[in-house]
Amino acid sequence: MERLKHEIALLEMRREQLRIHLISFRGRHHAEARKVRFVLNAMGARLKALKRFAIATGTIGRSKPTLH
């Protein structure tokens, strides 16, 4: 289960990096911006599924305090 927590943390950090990268594009319709948005959406779906699994298995809880 530690691996699951680690994967969630890594995905959240990578998603934040991509959000910052996306801000750097001036044109909304820039080809690279579209690719980054697509990857962000896929990461969001994966994170949502991993978090649901972690909550269902008791790995993480909604009421537990976190440091971040």
Protein backbone atom coordinates (compact mmCIF):
# COMPACT_ATOMS: atom_id res chain seq x y z
CA MET A 1 0.00 0.00 0.00
CA GLU A 2 2.99 2.29 0.42
CA ARG A 3 3.55 1.92 -3.30
CA LEU A 4 0.02 3.19 -3.93
CA LYS A 5 0.59 6.27 -1.75
CA HIS A 6 3.90 6.88 -3.50
CA GLU A 7 2.33 6.62 -6.97
CA ILE A 8 -0.45 9.04 -6.01
CA ALA A 9 2.10 11.55 -4.68
CA LEU A 10 4.23 11.29 -7.83
CA LEU A 11 1.23 11.76 -10.11
CA GLU A 12 0.09 14.80 -8.14
CA MET A 13 3.56 16.37 -8.40
CA ARG A 14 3.81 15.63 -12.12
CA ARG A 15 0.33 17.05 -12.70
CA GLU A 16 1.35 20.27 -10.99
CA GLN A 17 4.47 20.47 -13.15
CA LEU A 18 2.36 20.07 -16.28
CA ARG A 19 -0.07 22.75 -15.13
CA ILE A 20 2.84 25.16 -14.75
CA HIS A 21 4.12 24.14 -18.18
CA LEU A 22 0.68 24.74 -19.68
CA ILE A 23 0.65 28.31 -18.33
CA SER A 24 3.81 29.03 -20.32
CA PHE A 25 1.93 28.69 -23.62
CA ARG A 26 0.53 31.96 -24.85
CA GLY A 27 -1.79 30.61 -27.53
CA ARG A 28 -4.67 28.51 -26.29
CA HIS A 29 -4.71 26.50 -29.50
CA HIS A 30 -1.00 25.76 -29.53
CA ALA A 31 -0.43 22.10 -30.50
CA GLU A 32 1.78 21.41 -27.47
CA ALA A 33 -0.85 22.96 -25.18
CA ARG A 34 -3.45 20.55 -26.54
CA LYS A 35 -1.13 17.62 -25.85
CA VAL A 36 -0.48 18.82 -22.31
CA ARG A 37 -4.22 19.26 -21.66
CA PHE A 38 -4.84 15.73 -22.92
CA VAL A 39 -2.16 14.31 -20.59
CA LEU A 40 -3.53 16.34 -17.67
CA ASN A 41 -7.01 14.96 -18.24
CA ALA A 42 -5.68 11.40 -18.40
CA MET A 43 -3.66 11.95 -15.22
CA GLY A 44 -6.70 13.37 -13.48
CA ALA A 45 -8.73 10.28 -14.35
CA ARG A 46 -5.95 7.97 -13.17
CA LEU A 47 -5.53 9.90 -9.91
CA LYS A 48 -9.26 9.80 -9.27
CA ALA A 49 -9.32 6.02 -9.76
CA LEU A 50 -6.25 5.46 -7.58
CA LYS A 51 -7.62 7.63 -4.80
CA ARG A 52 -10.98 5.83 -4.89
CA PHE A 53 -9.17 2.50 -4.66
CA ALA A 54 -6.98 3.75 -1.81
CA ILE A 55 -10.01 4.99 0.11
CA ALA A 56 -11.90 1.74 -0.51
CA THR A 57 -8.97 -0.35 0.75
CA GLY A 58 -8.36 1.88 3.74
CA THR A 59 -4.92 2.96 2.54
CA ILE A 60 -5.89 6.60 2.83
CA GLY A 61 -8.86 8.15 4.50
CA ARG A 62 -10.76 11.34 3.89
CA SER A 63 -10.74 12.29 7.57
CA LYS A 64 -7.08 11.55 8.26
CA PRO A 65 -4.88 14.63 8.62
CA THR A 66 -2.22 15.08 5.96
CA LEU A 67 0.90 17.18 5.81
CA HIS A 68 0.13 18.75 2.42
